Amino acid sequence: MGLPGDHEGQTAVRVFFVMGKDKTALIDSGLFAGYPSLQRGFEELGLDLKALDLLLLTHEHMDHVGNNGALKRASGCTILGHRARADRVADNMLNATTIVHAFPEGEGFDLGSEYLDWMGPEPGPIDAFLEDGSTIDLGGVVLEVIGLPGHSAAEIGFFEPNERVLIIADPLLPAFNPVLYLYEDPAEMRRTFDKLERLIRERGVELVLLAHDDPQTGEQTLALIDDCRRRVDKVEASILANIESHPGIGFAALRDKVCDDNGKVREWRALVSIDASLRAFEAQGRIRRDGNGWASA
């Protein structure tokens, strides 16, 4: 179901109910502003909040864990997620500062409006860990956990083999997203694109449910994967081109030029992606540090 955010009631993120004979699970808790809609979703399904057995987290970002605490308090559900970012899930301030203020160039962005306000005041820590290859048996419905790092080191998805449905959050982002493609590791991101393509082809995935886009067929998702590859390639090509044409360019100026080249907002998420690519390019010997900036090697 879609949860509205602060965009005139429009869907900001989707969460997913999965019901078996024995247990009911919710994939992601969404953002805090969408909690009333989430409550209505339970009502429309004829469920009391206390009927929620499992809350399955795709990753730690604010729009996916914003109602963890409220759901835990209301239902007593067990919260499952990847261990890589469990510390951030358990601590809203840590979650916010480690990404919004990860770099000095991002410290001008307000932690409240950019991140903390998207989460309820009470976090909901992970109770038990999932990893690639884990399975979750709900009674007649078994979810396979798929590791999908790149956007986040903790990113996972869920595959239901009987109906051949894949549920993912942010490894594949829609082109209409106003911010630069967010990735923490470009090599991991590309490996995840390849992994998703193999999964769709080899397992005959029929339907893909995404957190920030409409449901897609397997074939439509293959096209989206190709588009995501191109967008990450375009980000990295812009980084290299601007370093070559502006020797010694600083981090903030590079962020602005790359965002402008890609028609995206100049904001903090872009710093995460650009830093990840800079570190990769430096390790490959393609660029070098030049004072407080960067130059071609």
C-alpha atoms as a PDB file:
ATOM      1  CA  MET A   1       0.000   0.000   0.000  1.00  0.00           C
ATOM      2  CA  GLY A   2       1.110   3.582  -0.623  1.00  0.00           C
ATOM      3  CA  LEU A   3       1.757   5.959   2.263  1.00  0.00           C
ATOM      4  CA  PRO A   4       1.494   9.720   1.683  1.00  0.00           C
ATOM      5  CA  GLY A   5       4.300  12.048   2.664  1.00  0.00           C
ATOM      6  CA  ASP A   6       4.483  15.817   2.553  1.00  0.00           C
ATOM      7  CA  HIS A   7       3.748  16.062  -1.180  1.00  0.00           C
ATOM      8  CA  GLU A   8       0.054  17.055  -1.165  1.00  0.00           C
ATOM      9  CA  GLY A   9      -1.010  13.617   0.003  1.00  0.00           C
ATOM     10  CA  GLN A  10       0.631  11.803  -2.893  1.00  0.00           C
ATOM     11  CA  THR A  11       2.292   8.440  -2.368  1.00  0.00           C
ATOM     12  CA  ALA A  12       5.802   8.863  -0.999  1.00  0.00           C
ATOM     13  CA  VAL A  13       6.643   5.240  -0.234  1.00  0.00           C
ATOM     14  CA  ARG A  14       4.982   1.850  -0.395  1.00  0.00           C
ATOM     15  CA  VAL A  15       4.870  -0.864   2.253  1.00  0.00           C
ATOM     16  CA  PHE A  16       3.652  -4.403   1.677  1.00  0.00           C
ATOM     17  CA  PHE A  17       1.458  -6.788   3.640  1.00  0.00           C
ATOM     18  CA  VAL A  18       2.214 -10.501   3.241  1.00  0.00           C
ATOM     19  CA  MET A  19      -0.185 -12.917   4.926  1.00  0.00           C
ATOM     20  CA  GLY A  20       0.295 -16.627   5.439  1.00  0.00           C
ATOM     21  CA  LYS A  21      -1.824 -19.174   7.290  1.00  0.00           C
ATOM     22  CA  ASP A  22       0.142 -18.707  10.495  1.00  0.00           C
ATOM     23  CA  LYS A  23       1.690 -15.258  10.429  1.00  0.00           C
ATOM     24  CA  THR A  24       1.177 -11.778   9.024  1.00  0.00           C
ATOM     25  CA  ALA A  25       4.180  -9.743   7.932  1.00  0.00           C
ATOM     26  CA  LEU A  26       4.641  -6.142   6.858  1.00  0.00           C
ATOM     27  CA  ILE A  27       7.591  -5.221   4.667  1.00  0.00           C
ATOM     28  CA  ASP A  28       8.877  -1.830   5.858  1.00  0.00           C
ATOM     29  CA  SER A  29       7.002   0.500   8.191  1.00  0.00           C
ATOM     30  CA  GLY A  30       7.098   3.589   5.968  1.00  0.00           C
ATOM     31  CA  LEU A  31       7.378   7.207   6.999  1.00  0.00           C
ATOM     32  CA  PHE A  32       5.848   8.749  10.111  1.00  0.00           C
ATOM     33  CA  ALA A  33       3.418  11.037   8.252  1.00  0.00           C
ATOM     34  CA  GLY A  34       1.847   7.959   6.686  1.00  0.00           C
ATOM     35  CA  TYR A  35       0.967   6.207   9.948  1.00  0.00           C
ATOM     36  CA  PRO A  36      -2.773   7.070   9.802  1.00  0.00           C
ATOM     37  CA  SER A  37      -2.912   5.597   6.296  1.00  0.00           C
ATOM     38  CA  LEU A  38      -1.097   2.513   7.543  1.00  0.00           C
ATOM     39  CA  GLN A  39      -3.682   2.105  10.310  1.00  0.00           C
ATOM     40  CA  ARG A  40      -6.455   2.328   7.706  1.00  0.00           C
ATOM     41  CA  GLY A  41      -4.664  -0.330   5.683  1.00  0.00           C
ATOM     42  CA  PHE A  42      -4.893  -2.723   8.605  1.00  0.00           C
ATOM     43  CA  GLU A  43      -8.596  -1.919   8.972  1.00  0.00           C
ATOM     44  CA  GLU A  44      -9.306  -2.471   5.275  1.00  0.00           C
ATOM     45  CA  LEU A  45      -7.692  -5.902   5.520  1.00  0.00           C
ATOM     46  CA  GLY A  46      -9.781  -6.703   8.587  1.00  0.00           C
ATOM     47  CA  LEU A  47      -6.693  -6.841  10.768  1.00  0.00           C
ATOM     48  CA  ASP A  48      -6.097  -5.511  14.233  1.00  0.00           C
ATOM     49  CA  LEU A  49      -2.652  -3.992  14.703  1.00  0.00           C
ATOM     50  CA  LYS A  50      -1.983  -6.741  17.234  1.00  0.00           C
ATOM     51  CA  ALA A  51      -2.261  -9.258  14.388  1.00  0.00           C
ATOM     52  CA  LEU A  52       1.091  -8.130  12.995  1.00  0.00           C
ATOM     53  CA  ASP A  53       3.656 -10.829  13.732  1.00  0.00           C
ATOM     54  CA  LEU A  54       6.698  -9.708  11.738  1.00  0.00           C
ATOM     55  CA  LEU A  55       8.042  -6.386  10.491  1.00  0.00           C
ATOM     56  CA  LEU A  56      10.588  -7.033   7.743  1.00  0.00           C
ATOM     57  CA  LEU A  57      12.962  -4.185   6.902  1.00  0.00           C
ATOM     58  CA  THR A  58      14.485  -3.679   3.468  1.00  0.00           C
ATOM     59  CA  HIS A  59      17.047  -1.179   4.821  1.00  0.00           C
ATOM     60  CA  GLU A  60      17.593   1.556   7.373  1.00  0.00           C
ATOM     61  CA  HIS A  61      16.598   4.765   5.572  1.00  0.00           C
ATOM     62  CA  MET A  62      14.079   7.043   7.248  1.00  0.00           C
ATOM     63  CA  ASP A  63      11.162   6.507   4.876  1.00  0.00           C
ATOM     64  CA  HIS A  64      11.325   2.748   5.410  1.00  0.00           C
ATOM     65  CA  VAL A  65      11.668   2.557   9.218  1.00  0.00           C
ATOM     66  CA  GLY A  66       9.653   5.603  10.292  1.00  0.00           C
ATOM     67  CA  ASN A  67       6.885   3.682  12.059  1.00  0.00           C
ATOM     68  CA  ASN A  68       8.978   0.900  13.588  1.00  0.00           C
ATOM     69  CA  GLY A  69       8.504   2.094  17.146  1.00  0.00           C
ATOM     70  CA  ALA A  70       4.768   2.704  16.819  1.00  0.00           C
ATOM     71  CA  LEU A  71       4.144  -0.711  15.277  1.00  0.00           C
ATOM     72  CA  LYS A  72       6.312  -2.453  17.856  1.00  0.00           C
ATOM     73  CA  ARG A  73       4.425  -0.754  20.670  1.00  0.00           C
ATOM     74  CA  ALA A  74       1.000  -1.483  19.157  1.00  0.00           C
ATOM     75  CA  SER A  75       1.580  -5.077  18.086  1.00  0.00           C
ATOM     76  CA  GLY A  76       4.612  -6.491  19.844  1.00  0.00           C
ATOM     77  CA  CYS A  77       5.826  -7.651  16.424  1.00  0.00           C
ATOM     78  CA  THR A  78       9.293  -9.071  15.863  1.00  0.00           C
ATOM     79  CA  ILE A  79      11.426  -6.737  13.743  1.00  0.00           C
ATOM     80  CA  LEU A  80      13.769  -8.444  11.287  1.00  0.00           C
ATOM     81  CA  GLY A  81      16.449  -6.823   9.142  1.00  0.00           C
ATOM     82  CA  HIS A  82      20.076  -6.928   8.052  1.00  0.00           C
ATOM     83  CA  ARG A  83      22.723  -6.540  10.745  1.00  0.00           C
ATOM     84  CA  ALA A  84      24.877  -4.106   8.718  1.00  0.00           C
ATOM     85  CA  ARG A  85      22.903  -1.031   9.808  1.00  0.00           C
ATOM     86  CA  ALA A  86      21.186  -2.308  12.936  1.00  0.00           C
ATOM     87  CA  ASP A  87      22.865   0.446  14.968  1.00  0.00           C
ATOM     88  CA  ARG A  88      21.210   3.109  12.817  1.00  0.00           C
ATOM     89  CA  VAL A  89      17.789   1.478  12.976  1.00  0.00           C
ATOM     90  CA  ALA A  90      18.063   1.542  16.774  1.00  0.00           C
ATOM     91  CA  ASP A  91      19.062   5.216  16.999  1.00  0.00           C
ATOM     92  CA  ASN A  92      17.228   7.881  14.992  1.00  0.00           C
ATOM     93  CA  MET A  93      19.871  10.554  15.543  1.00  0.00           C
ATOM     94  CA  LEU A  94      22.684   8.231  14.493  1.00  0.00           C
ATOM     95  CA  ASN A  95      20.634   7.239  11.457  1.00  0.00           C
ATOM     96  CA  ALA A  96      20.244  10.887  10.463  1.00  0.00           C
ATOM     97  CA  THR A  97      23.727  12.230  11.178  1.00  0.00           C
ATOM     98  CA  THR A  98      25.615   9.382   9.513  1.00  0.00           C
ATOM     99  CA  ILE A  99      24.042  10.166   6.146  1.00  0.00           C
ATOM    100  CA  VAL A 100      22.749  13.765   6.102  1.00  0.00           C
ATOM    101  CA  HIS A 101      25.817  15.136   7.911  1.00  0.00           C
ATOM    102  CA  ALA A 102      28.269  12.512   6.693  1.00  0.00           C
ATOM    103  CA  PHE A 103      30.353  15.296   5.121  1.00  0.00           C
ATOM    104  CA  PRO A 104      31.004  18.925   6.117  1.00  0.00           C
ATOM    105  CA  GLU A 105      29.390  19.988   2.842  1.00  0.00           C
ATOM    106  CA  GLY A 106      26.108  18.493   4.044  1.00  0.00           C
ATOM    107  CA  GLU A 107      26.023  20.063   7.483  1.00  0.00           C
ATOM    108  CA  GLY A 108      23.918  22.994   6.286  1.00  0.00           C
ATOM    109  CA  PHE A 109      20.965  20.669   5.759  1.00  0.00           C
ATOM    110  CA  ASP A 110      18.525  20.519   8.658  1.00  0.00           C
ATOM    111  CA  LEU A 111      18.426  17.083  10.285  1.00  0.00           C
ATOM    112  CA  GLY A 112      14.788  17.532  11.253  1.00  0.00           C
ATOM    113  CA  SER A 113      13.137  18.368   7.968  1.00  0.00           C
ATOM    114  CA  GLU A 114      15.546  16.268   5.919  1.00  0.00           C
ATOM    115  CA  TYR A 115      15.415  13.090   7.979  1.00  0.00           C
ATOM    116  CA  LEU A 116      14.300  12.979  11.624  1.00  0.00           C
ATOM    117  CA  ASP A 117      10.793  14.291  10.939  1.00  0.00           C
ATOM    118  CA  TRP A 118      10.237  11.347   8.599  1.00  0.00           C
ATOM    119  CA  MET A 119      10.538   8.971  11.568  1.00  0.00           C
ATOM    120  CA  GLY A 120       8.450   8.650  14.694  1.00  0.00           C
ATOM    121  CA  PRO A 121      10.110   9.746  17.934  1.00  0.00           C
ATOM    122  CA  GLU A 122      10.494   6.158  19.119  1.00  0.00           C
ATOM    123  CA  PRO A 123      12.806   3.888  17.093  1.00  0.00           C
ATOM    124  CA  GLY A 124      12.154   0.193  16.696  1.00  0.00           C
ATOM    125  CA  PRO A 125      15.423  -1.750  16.855  1.00  0.00           C
ATOM    126  CA  ILE A 126      15.982  -4.972  14.939  1.00  0.00           C
ATOM    127  CA  ASP A 127      15.214  -8.045  17.063  1.00  0.00           C
ATOM    128  CA  ALA A 128      16.758 -10.707  14.822  1.00  0.00           C
ATOM    129  CA  PHE A 129      18.896 -10.607  11.715  1.00  0.00           C
ATOM    130  CA  LEU A 130      18.291 -11.628   8.119  1.00  0.00           C
ATOM    131  CA  GLU A 131      20.858 -12.199   5.401  1.00  0.00           C
ATOM    132  CA  ASP A 132      21.031 -13.326   1.799  1.00  0.00           C
ATOM    133  CA  GLY A 133      19.526 -16.812   1.637  1.00  0.00           C
ATOM    134  CA  SER A 134      17.437 -16.575   4.809  1.00  0.00           C
ATOM    135  CA  THR A 135      13.833 -17.763   4.565  1.00  0.00           C
ATOM    136  CA  ILE A 136      10.720 -16.595   6.407  1.00  0.00           C
ATOM    137  CA  ASP A 137       7.865 -19.102   6.679  1.00  0.00           C
ATOM    138  CA  LEU A 138       4.483 -17.458   7.244  1.00  0.00           C
ATOM    139  CA  GLY A 139       2.545 -20.697   6.800  1.00  0.00           C
ATOM    140  CA  GLY A 140       2.021 -21.670   3.183  1.00  0.00           C
ATOM    141  CA  VAL A 141       3.909 -18.550   2.116  1.00  0.00           C
ATOM    142  CA  VAL A 142       7.704 -18.584   2.262  1.00  0.00           C
ATOM    143  CA  LEU A 143       9.759 -15.478   1.561  1.00  0.00           C
ATOM    144  CA  GLU A 144      13.340 -15.851   0.380  1.00  0.00           C
ATOM    145  CA  VAL A 145      15.703 -13.060   1.444  1.00  0.00           C
ATOM    146  CA  ILE A 146      17.773 -11.575  -1.392  1.00  0.00           C
ATOM    147  CA  GLY A 147      20.848  -9.503  -0.546  1.00  0.00           C
ATOM    148  CA  LEU A 148      20.857  -6.316  -2.653  1.00  0.00           C
ATOM    149  CA  PRO A 149      23.659  -4.028  -1.395  1.00  0.00           C
ATOM    150  CA  GLY A 150      24.666  -0.850  -3.182  1.00  0.00           C
ATOM    151  CA  HIS A 151      22.046   1.739  -2.312  1.00  0.00           C
ATOM    152  CA  SER A 152      22.624   0.681   1.296  1.00  0.00           C
ATOM    153  CA  ALA A 153      25.033  -1.903   2.669  1.00  0.00           C
ATOM    154  CA  ALA A 154      22.014  -3.364   4.489  1.00  0.00           C
ATOM    155  CA  GLU A 155      19.610  -3.541   1.518  1.00  0.00           C
ATOM    156  CA  ILE A 156      17.615  -6.749   1.130  1.00  0.00           C
ATOM    157  CA  GLY A 157      14.568  -7.805  -0.867  1.00  0.00           C
ATOM    158  CA  PHE A 158      12.042 -10.618  -0.591  1.00  0.00           C
ATOM    159  CA  PHE A 159      11.046 -13.209  -3.205  1.00  0.00           C
ATOM    160  CA  GLU A 160       7.912 -15.372  -3.016  1.00  0.00           C
ATOM    161  CA  PRO A 161       8.566 -18.316  -5.366  1.00  0.00           C
ATOM    162  CA  ASN A 162       5.041 -19.743  -5.675  1.00  0.00           C
ATOM    163  CA  GLU A 163       3.565 -16.572  -7.154  1.00  0.00           C
ATOM    164  CA  ARG A 164       6.998 -15.473  -8.405  1.00  0.00           C
ATOM    165  CA  VAL A 165       6.687 -12.040  -6.822  1.00  0.00           C
ATOM    166  CA  LEU A 166       9.742  -9.959  -5.914  1.00  0.00           C
ATOM    167  CA  ILE A 167       9.438  -7.137  -3.363  1.00  0.00           C
ATOM    168  CA  ILE A 168      12.214  -4.544  -3.248  1.00  0.00           C
ATOM    169  CA  ALA A 169      12.708  -1.019  -1.980  1.00  0.00           C
ATOM    170  CA  ASP A 170      15.510   1.139  -3.361  1.00  0.00           C
ATOM    171  CA  PRO A 171      18.037  -0.795  -5.459  1.00  0.00           C
ATOM    172  CA  LEU A 172      16.013   0.319  -8.493  1.00  0.00           C
ATOM    173  CA  LEU A 173      14.998   3.969  -8.357  1.00  0.00           C
ATOM    174  CA  PRO A 174      12.573   5.654 -10.765  1.00  0.00           C
ATOM    175  CA  ALA A 175      13.857   8.231 -13.218  1.00  0.00           C
ATOM    176  CA  PHE A 176      11.373  10.825 -11.914  1.00  0.00           C
ATOM    177  CA  ASN A 177      13.142  10.835  -8.540  1.00  0.00           C
ATOM    178  CA  PRO A 178      14.282  14.473  -8.074  1.00  0.00           C
ATOM    179  CA  VAL A 179      17.573  13.541  -6.394  1.00  0.00           C
ATOM    180  CA  LEU A 180      20.744  11.968  -7.754  1.00  0.00           C
ATOM    181  CA  TYR A 181      20.849   8.167  -7.818  1.00  0.00           C
ATOM    182  CA  LEU A 182      21.806   7.230  -4.261  1.00  0.00           C
ATOM    183  CA  TYR A 183      24.453   4.525  -3.885  1.00  0.00           C
ATOM    184  CA  GLU A 184      27.113   3.833  -1.276  1.00  0.00           C
ATOM    185  CA  ASP A 185      29.304   1.691  -3.528  1.00  0.00           C
ATOM    186  CA  PRO A 186      29.118   1.866  -7.332  1.00  0.00           C
ATOM    187  CA  ALA A 187      30.610  -1.602  -7.850  1.00  0.00           C
ATOM    188  CA  GLU A 188      28.148  -3.163  -5.408  1.00  0.00           C
ATOM    189  CA  MET A 189      25.334  -1.240  -7.062  1.00  0.00           C
ATOM    190  CA  ARG A 190      26.209  -2.664 -10.471  1.00  0.00           C
ATOM    191  CA  ARG A 191      26.552  -6.179  -9.057  1.00  0.00           C
ATOM    192  CA  THR A 192      23.074  -5.818  -7.596  1.00  0.00           C
ATOM    193  CA  PHE A 193      21.720  -4.730 -10.989  1.00  0.00           C
ATOM    194  CA  ASP A 194      23.268  -7.891 -12.469  1.00  0.00           C
ATOM    195  CA  LYS A 195      21.899 -10.034  -9.632  1.00  0.00           C
ATOM    196  CA  LEU A 196      18.378  -8.697 -10.101  1.00  0.00           C
ATOM    197  CA  GLU A 197      18.559  -9.338 -13.834  1.00  0.00           C
ATOM    198  CA  ARG A 198      19.671 -12.940 -13.252  1.00  0.00           C
ATOM    199  CA  LEU A 199      16.970 -13.484 -10.633  1.00  0.00           C
ATOM    200  CA  ILE A 200      14.219 -12.240 -12.916  1.00  0.00           C
ATOM    201  CA  ARG A 201      15.382 -14.356 -15.831  1.00  0.00           C
ATOM    202  CA  GLU A 202      16.300 -17.540 -13.940  1.00  0.00           C
ATOM    203  CA  ARG A 203      13.374 -17.610 -11.497  1.00  0.00           C
ATOM    204  CA  GLY A 204      10.765 -16.371 -13.960  1.00  0.00           C
ATOM    205  CA  VAL A 205       9.749 -13.385 -11.839  1.00  0.00           C
ATOM    206  CA  GLU A 206       6.294 -12.256 -12.943  1.00  0.00           C
ATOM    207  CA  LEU A 207       5.679  -9.240 -10.717  1.00  0.00           C
ATOM    208  CA  VAL A 208       8.018  -6.789  -9.004  1.00  0.00           C
ATOM    209  CA  LEU A 209       6.693  -4.544  -6.232  1.00  0.00           C
ATOM    210  CA  LEU A 210       8.761  -1.409  -5.646  1.00  0.00           C
ATOM    211  CA  ALA A 211       8.730   1.091  -2.801  1.00  0.00           C
ATOM    212  CA  HIS A 212       8.820   4.191  -5.002  1.00  0.00           C
ATOM    213  CA  ASP A 213       7.183   3.148  -8.259  1.00  0.00           C
ATOM    214  CA  ASP A 214       4.184   1.281  -9.597  1.00  0.00           C
ATOM    215  CA  PRO A 215       4.273  -2.535  -9.823  1.00  0.00           C
ATOM    216  CA  GLN A 216       6.237  -3.825 -12.804  1.00  0.00           C
ATOM    217  CA  THR A 217       6.232  -7.045 -14.787  1.00  0.00           C
ATOM    218  CA  GLY A 218       9.475  -8.948 -15.020  1.00  0.00           C
ATOM    219  CA  GLU A 219      10.077  -7.588 -18.523  1.00  0.00           C
ATOM    220  CA  GLN A 220       9.353  -4.031 -17.437  1.00  0.00           C
ATOM    221  CA  THR A 221      11.778  -4.436 -14.556  1.00  0.00           C
ATOM    222  CA  LEU A 222      14.534  -5.617 -16.892  1.00  0.00           C
ATOM    223  CA  ALA A 223      14.094  -2.370 -18.811  1.00  0.00           C
ATOM    224  CA  LEU A 224      14.199  -0.429 -15.527  1.00  0.00           C
ATOM    225  CA  ILE A 225      17.441  -2.182 -14.569  1.00  0.00           C
ATOM    226  CA  ASP A 226      19.019  -1.085 -17.850  1.00  0.00           C
ATOM    227  CA  ASP A 227      17.840   2.468 -17.232  1.00  0.00           C
ATOM    228  CA  CYS A 228      19.272   2.426 -13.703  1.00  0.00           C
ATOM    229  CA  ARG A 229      22.610   1.225 -15.077  1.00  0.00           C
ATOM    230  CA  ARG A 230      22.636   4.094 -17.558  1.00  0.00           C
ATOM    231  CA  ARG A 231      21.835   6.642 -14.848  1.00  0.00           C
ATOM    232  CA  VAL A 232      24.648   5.445 -12.584  1.00  0.00           C
ATOM    233  CA  ASP A 233      26.995   5.460 -15.589  1.00  0.00           C
ATOM    234  CA  LYS A 234      25.909   9.019 -16.370  1.00  0.00           C
ATOM    235  CA  VAL A 235      26.641  10.150 -12.808  1.00  0.00           C
ATOM    236  CA  GLU A 236      30.137   8.690 -12.954  1.00  0.00           C
ATOM    237  CA  ALA A 237      30.816  10.060 -16.438  1.00  0.00           C
ATOM    238  CA  SER A 238      29.833  13.517 -15.192  1.00  0.00           C
ATOM    239  CA  ILE A 239      32.174  13.208 -12.203  1.00  0.00           C
ATOM    240  CA  LEU A 240      35.149  12.343 -14.406  1.00  0.00           C
ATOM    241  CA  ALA A 241      34.319  14.972 -17.031  1.00  0.00           C
ATOM    242  CA  ASN A 242      34.039  17.755 -14.469  1.00  0.00           C
ATOM    243  CA  ILE A 243      37.273  16.755 -12.745  1.00  0.00           C
ATOM    244  CA  GLU A 244      39.041  16.780 -16.102  1.00  0.00           C
ATOM    245  CA  SER A 245      37.630  20.161 -17.140  1.00  0.00           C
ATOM    246  CA  HIS A 246      38.018  21.770 -13.698  1.00  0.00           C
ATOM    247  CA  PRO A 247      41.324  20.541 -12.196  1.00  0.00           C
ATOM    248  CA  GLY A 248      41.349  20.929  -8.421  1.00  0.00           C
ATOM    249  CA  ILE A 249      37.550  21.119  -8.204  1.00  0.00           C
ATOM    250  CA  GLY A 250      36.246  20.847  -4.653  1.00  0.00           C
ATOM    251  CA  PHE A 251      33.658  18.407  -3.371  1.00  0.00           C
ATOM    252  CA  ALA A 252      30.744  20.851  -3.064  1.00  0.00           C
ATOM    253  CA  ALA A 253      31.366  22.400  -6.482  1.00  0.00           C
ATOM    254  CA  LEU A 254      31.623  18.947  -8.023  1.00  0.00           C
ATOM    255  CA  ARG A 255      28.341  17.957  -6.391  1.00  0.00           C
ATOM    256  CA  ASP A 256      26.636  21.007  -7.879  1.00  0.00           C
ATOM    257  CA  LYS A 257      27.938  20.372 -11.390  1.00  0.00           C
ATOM    258  CA  VAL A 258      27.078  16.669 -11.347  1.00  0.00           C
ATOM    259  CA  CYS A 259      23.566  17.390 -10.084  1.00  0.00           C
ATOM    260  CA  ASP A 260      23.103  20.068 -12.738  1.00  0.00           C
ATOM    261  CA  ASP A 261      24.348  17.715 -15.471  1.00  0.00           C
ATOM    262  CA  ASN A 262      21.786  15.142 -14.371  1.00  0.00           C
ATOM    263  CA  GLY A 263      18.921  17.578 -13.782  1.00  0.00           C
ATOM    264  CA  LYS A 264      18.736  16.759 -10.073  1.00  0.00           C
ATOM    265  CA  VAL A 265      18.470  18.779  -6.876  1.00  0.00           C
ATOM    266  CA  ARG A 266      21.715  19.865  -5.218  1.00  0.00           C
ATOM    267  CA  GLU A 267      21.392  18.142  -1.860  1.00  0.00           C
ATOM    268  CA  TRP A 268      23.001  15.760   0.641  1.00  0.00           C
ATOM    269  CA  ARG A 269      22.217  12.409  -0.998  1.00  0.00           C
ATOM    270  CA  ALA A 270      24.346  13.375  -3.967  1.00  0.00           C
ATOM    271  CA  LEU A 271      27.354  13.777  -1.674  1.00  0.00           C
ATOM    272  CA  VAL A 272      27.070  10.112  -0.664  1.00  0.00           C
ATOM    273  CA  SER A 273      27.050   8.833  -4.244  1.00  0.00           C
ATOM    274  CA  ILE A 274      29.767  11.157  -5.504  1.00  0.00           C
ATOM    275  CA  ASP A 275      32.049  10.352  -2.565  1.00  0.00           C
ATOM    276  CA  ALA A 276      31.595   6.632  -3.235  1.00  0.00           C
ATOM    277  CA  SER A 277      32.604   7.073  -6.873  1.00  0.00           C
ATOM    278  CA  LEU A 278      35.533   9.342  -5.987  1.00  0.00           C
ATOM    279  CA  ARG A 279      36.922   6.696  -3.648  1.00  0.00           C
ATOM    280  CA  ALA A 280      36.512   4.043  -6.346  1.00  0.00           C
ATOM    281  CA  PHE A 281      38.159   6.185  -9.032  1.00  0.00           C
ATOM    282  CA  GLU A 282      41.064   7.049  -6.724  1.00  0.00           C
ATOM    283  CA  ALA A 283      41.617   3.362  -5.932  1.00  0.00           C
ATOM    284  CA  GLN A 284      41.642   2.644  -9.671  1.00  0.00           C
ATOM    285  CA  GLY A 285      44.263   5.350 -10.247  1.00  0.00           C
ATOM    286  CA  ARG A 286      41.953   7.409 -12.473  1.00  0.00           C
ATOM    287  CA  ILE A 287      41.937  10.532 -10.289  1.00  0.00           C
ATOM    288  CA  ARG A 288      44.132  12.028  -7.581  1.00  0.00           C
ATOM    289  CA  ARG A 289      43.728  14.476  -4.755  1.00  0.00           C
ATOM    290  CA  ASP A 290      44.796  18.015  -5.629  1.00  0.00           C
ATOM    291  CA  GLY A 291      44.925  20.188  -2.526  1.00  0.00           C
ATOM    292  CA  ASN A 292      41.372  20.266  -1.226  1.00  0.00           C
ATOM    293  CA  GLY A 293      39.991  19.048  -4.521  1.00  0.00           C
ATOM    294  CA  TRP A 294      40.414  16.509  -7.275  1.00  0.00           C
ATOM    295  CA  ALA A 295      42.272  16.244 -10.585  1.00  0.00           C
ATOM    296  CA  SER A 296      42.687  13.612 -13.268  1.00  0.00           C
ATOM    297  CA  ALA A 297      45.583  11.234 -12.634  1.00  0.00           C
END
